[in-house]
């Protein structure tokens, strides 16, 4: 299988795809809602309308996957726990190189897993395309609009914690590839929001209580150069973090996890990292013969270890 992110340039040009449909919608029983009550901050000119398409050639575990492009109106979709509610919530950031969102592979399928474990899941459809589309200026130059959406959503979950039966001290983030980078960004850029407050939800903390980054990207400057991206400022207040990556990841090389792990350890932030020799990139939760695809059980165990969930 070709690496998904490398294939995105082809996919984004809509090659080898099924028919496109406008505006992604969750499965019946789940409702997506806007995260901004009015105009989105730092709105960019809309060149194309949101669209949804299916890649039927770059299969993952023998199955096609769905992506969303040209998101200009970010939304969140709340998935309630199945069975016993364990009190924790996770905001999920699908990957896609800040160009598209792998909305099922790294989104809805993740929420199905989390809710089956009694965890509330909030799927964020954040603004894309991002990186490379906007001027790199200000305190956070890489896709700042996506980070604004992430900060806003974490605050919204905390604001609605009682209503959604969530412990406000057990709200985490989980992301893949570029979404894994946004996990690190959200974990280190919570002291200052990138946008002016719009309502009471923005008075809540947007700091995650825990963070899970799966094959993260954009954290190291160059291949084989072990230097953390200077946009990521790890401190002792960065939340406990779980990292997972394959050493043969050809898209977001393993250096991304290694440099972030080193920074977390230096700051004395609790961190657990799992590296596998083989696994590639963009496998989501789809189980194959490769041991790395059993990672969800590792995350569940880790969440229990750090006190975020219990039996």
Protein backbone atom coordinates (compact mmCIF):
# COMPACT_ATOMS: atom_id res chain seq x y z
CA UNK A 1 0.00 0.00 0.00
CA UNK A 2 1.27 3.46 -0.82
CA UNK A 3 1.49 5.74 2.21
CA UNK A 4 -1.78 7.59 2.57
CA UNK A 5 -0.35 11.03 3.15
CA UNK A 6 1.93 10.69 0.13
CA UNK A 7 -1.08 9.66 -1.87
CA UNK A 8 -3.08 12.68 -0.74
CA UNK A 9 -1.73 14.81 -3.57
CA UNK A 10 -3.33 12.33 -5.95
CA UNK A 11 -6.43 11.87 -3.84
CA UNK A 12 -6.88 15.58 -3.40
CA UNK A 13 -6.96 15.89 -7.17
CA UNK A 14 -9.85 13.40 -7.04
CA UNK A 15 -8.25 10.55 -8.89
CA UNK A 16 -9.37 6.94 -8.47
CA UNK A 17 -12.34 7.94 -6.33
CA UNK A 18 -16.00 7.18 -6.06
CA UNK A 19 -18.57 9.88 -6.64
CA UNK A 20 -18.17 12.92 -4.42
CA UNK A 21 -20.95 14.25 -2.22
CA UNK A 22 -21.24 17.64 -0.50
CA UNK A 23 -20.77 18.05 3.25
CA UNK A 24 -19.95 15.03 5.37
CA UNK A 25 -22.73 13.74 7.63
CA UNK A 26 -22.34 11.27 10.52
CA UNK A 27 -24.29 8.03 10.68
CA UNK A 28 -27.94 8.17 11.82
CA UNK A 29 -28.30 8.82 15.53
CA UNK A 30 -25.40 11.27 15.67
CA UNK A 31 -25.67 14.98 14.99
CA UNK A 32 -22.83 17.28 14.05
CA UNK A 33 -23.06 20.86 15.31
CA UNK A 34 -21.02 23.98 14.51
CA UNK A 35 -18.34 24.77 17.07
CA UNK A 36 -18.55 28.53 16.46
CA UNK A 37 -21.82 30.39 17.24
CA UNK A 38 -21.23 32.87 14.43
CA UNK A 39 -18.52 33.60 11.92
CA UNK A 40 -15.39 31.51 12.31
CA UNK A 41 -12.30 33.45 13.40
CA UNK A 42 -9.63 34.17 10.81
CA UNK A 43 -11.91 32.90 8.05
CA UNK A 44 -10.14 32.43 4.73
CA UNK A 45 -11.61 32.90 1.26
CA UNK A 46 -13.60 29.83 0.25
CA UNK A 47 -12.28 28.59 -3.08
CA UNK A 48 -14.20 25.30 -3.13
CA UNK A 49 -17.15 23.90 -1.21
CA UNK A 50 -16.78 21.07 1.27
CA UNK A 51 -16.87 17.66 -0.35
CA UNK A 52 -16.71 14.00 0.59
CA UNK A 53 -15.12 11.24 -1.46
CA UNK A 54 -14.05 7.61 -1.10
CA UNK A 55 -10.63 6.27 -2.04
CA UNK A 56 -11.12 2.79 -3.48
CA UNK A 57 -7.50 2.22 -4.54
CA UNK A 58 -5.33 3.11 -1.54
CA UNK A 59 -6.97 0.43 0.59
CA UNK A 60 -6.35 0.05 4.32
CA UNK A 61 -6.66 -3.51 5.62
CA UNK A 62 -8.39 -4.33 2.35
CA UNK A 63 -11.02 -1.63 2.68
CA UNK A 64 -11.63 1.77 1.17
CA UNK A 65 -11.67 4.92 3.28
CA UNK A 66 -13.57 8.19 3.19
CA UNK A 67 -12.12 11.67 3.34
CA UNK A 68 -13.51 15.20 3.63
CA UNK A 69 -11.98 18.13 1.79
CA UNK A 70 -12.31 21.92 1.83
CA UNK A 71 -13.77 22.22 5.32
CA UNK A 72 -14.45 25.88 6.07
CA UNK A 73 -17.21 25.43 8.68
CA UNK A 74 -15.81 23.25 11.48
CA UNK A 75 -18.15 21.01 13.43
CA UNK A 76 -18.11 18.49 16.22
CA UNK A 77 -20.09 15.28 16.52
CA UNK A 78 -20.72 13.79 19.98
CA UNK A 79 -20.73 10.03 20.38
CA UNK A 80 -22.10 8.86 23.74
CA UNK A 81 -20.70 5.84 25.60
CA UNK A 82 -22.23 2.43 25.03
CA UNK A 83 -23.06 0.71 28.29
CA UNK A 84 -21.33 2.01 31.42
CA UNK A 85 -20.12 5.60 31.24
CA UNK A 86 -16.56 5.72 32.58
CA UNK A 87 -16.57 9.51 32.82
CA UNK A 88 -13.76 10.31 30.37
CA UNK A 89 -14.05 12.10 27.03
CA UNK A 90 -11.74 12.19 24.03
CA UNK A 91 -11.65 14.78 21.24
CA UNK A 92 -10.49 13.05 18.05
CA UNK A 93 -8.45 14.76 15.33
CA UNK A 94 -8.39 12.78 12.04
CA UNK A 95 -5.23 13.06 9.97
CA UNK A 96 -4.78 14.13 6.38
CA UNK A 97 -1.72 16.33 6.14
CA UNK A 98 -3.77 19.44 7.06
CA UNK A 99 -5.18 19.08 3.54
CA UNK A 100 -8.06 16.64 4.03
CA UNK A 101 -9.56 14.60 6.88
CA UNK A 102 -9.58 10.79 6.89
CA UNK A 103 -12.99 10.98 8.49
CA UNK A 104 -13.81 7.28 8.92
CA UNK A 105 -10.38 5.61 9.14
CA UNK A 106 -9.14 8.07 11.76
CA UNK A 107 -12.46 9.46 12.95
CA UNK A 108 -15.75 7.61 13.16
CA UNK A 109 -14.07 4.22 13.58
CA UNK A 110 -12.13 5.64 16.51
CA UNK A 111 -15.33 6.92 18.10
CA UNK A 112 -16.97 3.50 17.73
CA UNK A 113 -14.05 1.96 19.62
CA UNK A 114 -13.99 4.61 22.37
CA UNK A 115 -17.73 4.52 23.01
CA UNK A 116 -17.60 0.72 23.21
CA UNK A 117 -15.18 1.24 26.12
CA UNK A 118 -17.55 3.62 27.92
CA UNK A 119 -15.75 6.79 26.82
CA UNK A 120 -17.47 9.83 25.31
CA UNK A 121 -16.01 10.70 21.91
CA UNK A 122 -16.13 14.09 20.20
CA UNK A 123 -15.12 13.98 16.54
CA UNK A 124 -13.76 17.32 15.35
CA UNK A 125 -14.11 18.19 11.69
CA UNK A 126 -11.54 20.96 11.67
CA UNK A 127 -10.70 23.40 8.90
CA UNK A 128 -8.70 22.11 5.94
CA UNK A 129 -6.76 22.70 3.78
CA UNK A 130 -4.42 24.28 6.24
CA UNK A 131 -0.63 24.09 6.18
CA UNK A 132 0.90 25.95 3.29
CA UNK A 133 -2.33 27.80 2.52
CA UNK A 134 -1.89 30.72 4.89
CA UNK A 135 0.92 33.13 5.79
CA UNK A 136 3.22 31.69 8.45
CA UNK A 137 3.11 34.45 11.03
CA UNK A 138 2.12 34.88 14.63
CA UNK A 139 2.72 32.66 17.66
CA UNK A 140 1.66 29.45 15.90
CA UNK A 141 2.44 29.47 12.19
CA UNK A 142 1.43 25.94 11.18
CA UNK A 143 -2.27 25.73 10.30
CA UNK A 144 -3.46 28.08 13.07
CA UNK A 145 -7.11 27.78 12.06
CA UNK A 146 -7.09 24.06 12.84
CA UNK A 147 -5.60 24.78 16.26
CA UNK A 148 -8.25 27.43 16.90
CA UNK A 149 -10.87 24.78 16.20
CA UNK A 150 -9.14 22.33 18.55
CA UNK A 151 -8.83 24.84 21.38
CA UNK A 152 -12.46 25.81 20.99
CA UNK A 153 -13.65 22.19 21.04
CA UNK A 154 -11.74 21.18 24.16
CA UNK A 155 -13.24 24.20 25.92
CA UNK A 156 -16.72 23.30 24.68
CA UNK A 157 -16.44 19.75 26.01
CA UNK A 158 -15.38 21.07 29.40
CA UNK A 159 -18.20 23.64 29.34
CA UNK A 160 -20.76 20.91 28.62
CA UNK A 161 -19.17 18.32 30.93
CA UNK A 162 -22.09 18.07 33.35
CA UNK A 163 -24.65 17.91 30.54
CA UNK A 164 -22.70 15.18 28.75
CA UNK A 165 -21.89 13.28 31.98
CA UNK A 166 -18.16 13.84 31.59
CA UNK A 167 -15.61 14.47 34.32
CA UNK A 168 -14.16 17.92 33.44
CA UNK A 169 -10.77 16.69 34.66
CA UNK A 170 -10.75 13.69 32.32
CA UNK A 171 -10.90 15.27 28.87
CA UNK A 172 -8.21 14.19 26.42
CA UNK A 173 -7.22 14.47 22.77
CA UNK A 174 -6.29 11.75 20.28
CA UNK A 175 -5.01 12.27 16.75
CA UNK A 176 -3.29 10.65 13.81
CA UNK A 177 -0.48 11.96 11.58
CA UNK A 178 -1.22 15.70 11.17
CA UNK A 179 -3.88 15.13 13.82
CA UNK A 180 -1.09 13.77 16.02
CA UNK A 181 0.77 17.01 15.50
CA UNK A 182 -2.38 18.86 16.56
CA UNK A 183 -2.44 16.70 19.70
CA UNK A 184 1.00 18.08 20.55
CA UNK A 185 -0.02 21.61 19.58
CA UNK A 186 -3.14 21.48 21.76
CA UNK A 187 -1.05 20.03 24.59
CA UNK A 188 1.44 22.89 24.47
CA UNK A 189 -0.63 25.89 23.29
CA UNK A 190 -3.34 26.07 25.94
CA UNK A 191 -2.19 29.12 27.91
CA UNK A 192 -3.31 31.51 25.19
CA UNK A 193 -6.09 31.01 22.68
CA UNK A 194 -5.37 32.10 19.14
CA UNK A 195 -8.73 33.85 18.86
CA UNK A 196 -10.75 36.36 20.94
CA UNK A 197 -13.23 34.74 23.33
CA UNK A 198 -16.71 34.48 21.86
CA UNK A 199 -18.76 33.11 24.77
CA UNK A 200 -18.61 31.44 28.18
CA UNK A 201 -17.14 28.22 26.77
CA UNK A 202 -13.95 30.13 25.96
CA UNK A 203 -13.50 30.90 29.64
CA UNK A 204 -12.96 27.20 30.28
CA UNK A 205 -9.48 25.73 30.11
CA UNK A 206 -8.54 24.27 26.72
CA UNK A 207 -5.73 22.18 28.22
CA UNK A 208 -6.26 18.45 27.62
CA UNK A 209 -5.90 16.19 30.66
CA UNK A 210 -4.20 13.51 28.55
CA UNK A 211 -3.01 13.14 24.99
CA UNK A 212 -2.59 10.29 22.49
CA UNK A 213 -0.57 10.83 19.30
CA UNK A 214 -0.59 7.99 16.76
CA UNK A 215 2.11 8.17 14.04
CA UNK A 216 2.39 11.96 14.55
CA UNK A 217 3.96 14.25 11.97
CA UNK A 218 5.48 17.75 11.83
CA UNK A 219 7.21 17.35 15.21
CA UNK A 220 10.79 17.01 13.99
CA UNK A 221 12.42 19.52 11.69
CA UNK A 222 14.14 17.17 9.24
CA UNK A 223 14.61 13.41 8.75
CA UNK A 224 17.46 12.05 10.87
CA UNK A 225 17.84 15.40 12.63
CA UNK A 226 16.66 15.05 16.22
CA UNK A 227 15.41 18.59 16.78
CA UNK A 228 11.90 19.36 17.99
CA UNK A 229 9.78 21.71 15.91
CA UNK A 230 10.20 25.11 17.62
CA UNK A 231 6.43 25.68 17.36
CA UNK A 232 5.99 23.02 20.08
CA UNK A 233 6.89 24.34 23.53
CA UNK A 234 6.85 21.48 26.03
CA UNK A 235 6.60 22.44 29.70
CA UNK A 236 5.89 20.64 32.94
CA UNK A 237 2.20 21.49 32.36
CA UNK A 238 2.00 19.49 29.14
CA UNK A 239 -0.44 16.63 29.83
CA UNK A 240 0.53 12.96 30.15
CA UNK A 241 1.10 11.61 26.66
CA UNK A 242 0.98 8.30 24.79
CA UNK A 243 2.99 7.94 21.56
CA UNK A 244 2.94 5.18 18.96
CA UNK A 245 4.77 4.87 15.66
CA UNK A 246 6.41 2.39 13.30
CA UNK A 247 10.11 2.65 12.56
CA UNK A 248 9.38 2.06 8.86
CA UNK A 249 6.81 4.87 8.67
CA UNK A 250 7.70 6.41 5.30
CA UNK A 251 5.56 9.53 5.68
CA UNK A 252 5.94 10.86 9.21
CA UNK A 253 9.23 9.33 10.21
CA UNK A 254 9.81 7.89 13.65
CA UNK A 255 11.94 10.92 14.56
CA UNK A 256 8.66 12.77 15.15
CA UNK A 257 7.82 10.58 18.12
CA UNK A 258 11.41 10.38 19.34
CA UNK A 259 12.00 14.13 19.56
CA UNK A 260 8.67 14.72 21.26
CA UNK A 261 9.29 11.89 23.70
CA UNK A 262 12.68 13.37 24.59
CA UNK A 263 11.18 16.81 25.19
CA UNK A 264 8.40 15.40 27.36
CA UNK A 265 10.86 13.36 29.39
CA UNK A 266 13.14 16.37 29.87
CA UNK A 267 10.15 18.36 31.18
CA UNK A 268 9.27 15.43 33.49
CA UNK A 269 5.91 14.93 31.79
CA UNK A 270 4.61 11.34 32.15
CA UNK A 271 5.00 9.75 28.73
CA UNK A 272 4.62 6.25 27.34
CA UNK A 273 5.97 5.44 23.88
CA UNK A 274 5.59 2.29 21.79
CA UNK A 275 7.73 1.81 18.68
CA UNK A 276 7.39 -1.09 16.27
CA UNK A 277 9.79 -2.20 13.56
CA UNK A 278 7.04 -2.60 10.98
CA UNK A 279 3.69 -0.93 10.52
CA UNK A 280 3.95 1.84 7.96
CA UNK A 281 1.58 4.75 8.15
CA UNK A 282 -2.13 5.54 8.27
CA UNK A 283 -3.49 2.21 9.47
CA UNK A 284 -5.99 3.74 11.88
CA UNK A 285 -7.69 1.10 14.02
CA UNK A 286 -7.93 -1.48 11.26
CA UNK A 287 -6.43 -4.70 12.53
CA UNK A 288 -3.95 -6.61 10.37
CA UNK A 289 -1.31 -9.24 11.06
CA UNK A 290 1.07 -6.49 12.16
CA UNK A 291 1.34 -6.24 15.96
CA UNK A 292 1.24 -2.43 15.90
CA UNK A 293 -2.44 -2.53 14.92
CA UNK A 294 -3.27 -3.90 18.39
CA UNK A 295 -2.49 -0.46 19.82
CA UNK A 296 -6.03 0.36 21.09
CA UNK A 297 -5.60 -2.13 23.94
CA UNK A 298 -2.32 -0.42 24.88
CA UNK A 299 -4.11 2.94 25.05
CA UNK A 300 -6.92 1.53 27.16
CA UNK A 301 -4.42 0.05 29.61
CA UNK A 302 -2.49 3.33 29.72
CA UNK A 303 -5.67 5.33 30.43
CA UNK A 304 -6.28 3.10 33.41
CA UNK A 305 -2.68 3.48 34.56
CA UNK A 306 -2.87 7.29 34.61
CA UNK A 307 -6.25 7.25 36.35
CA UNK A 308 -8.42 8.50 33.50
CA UNK A 309 -10.65 5.42 33.39
CA UNK A 310 -11.44 2.67 35.85
CA UNK A 311 -13.54 -0.47 35.84
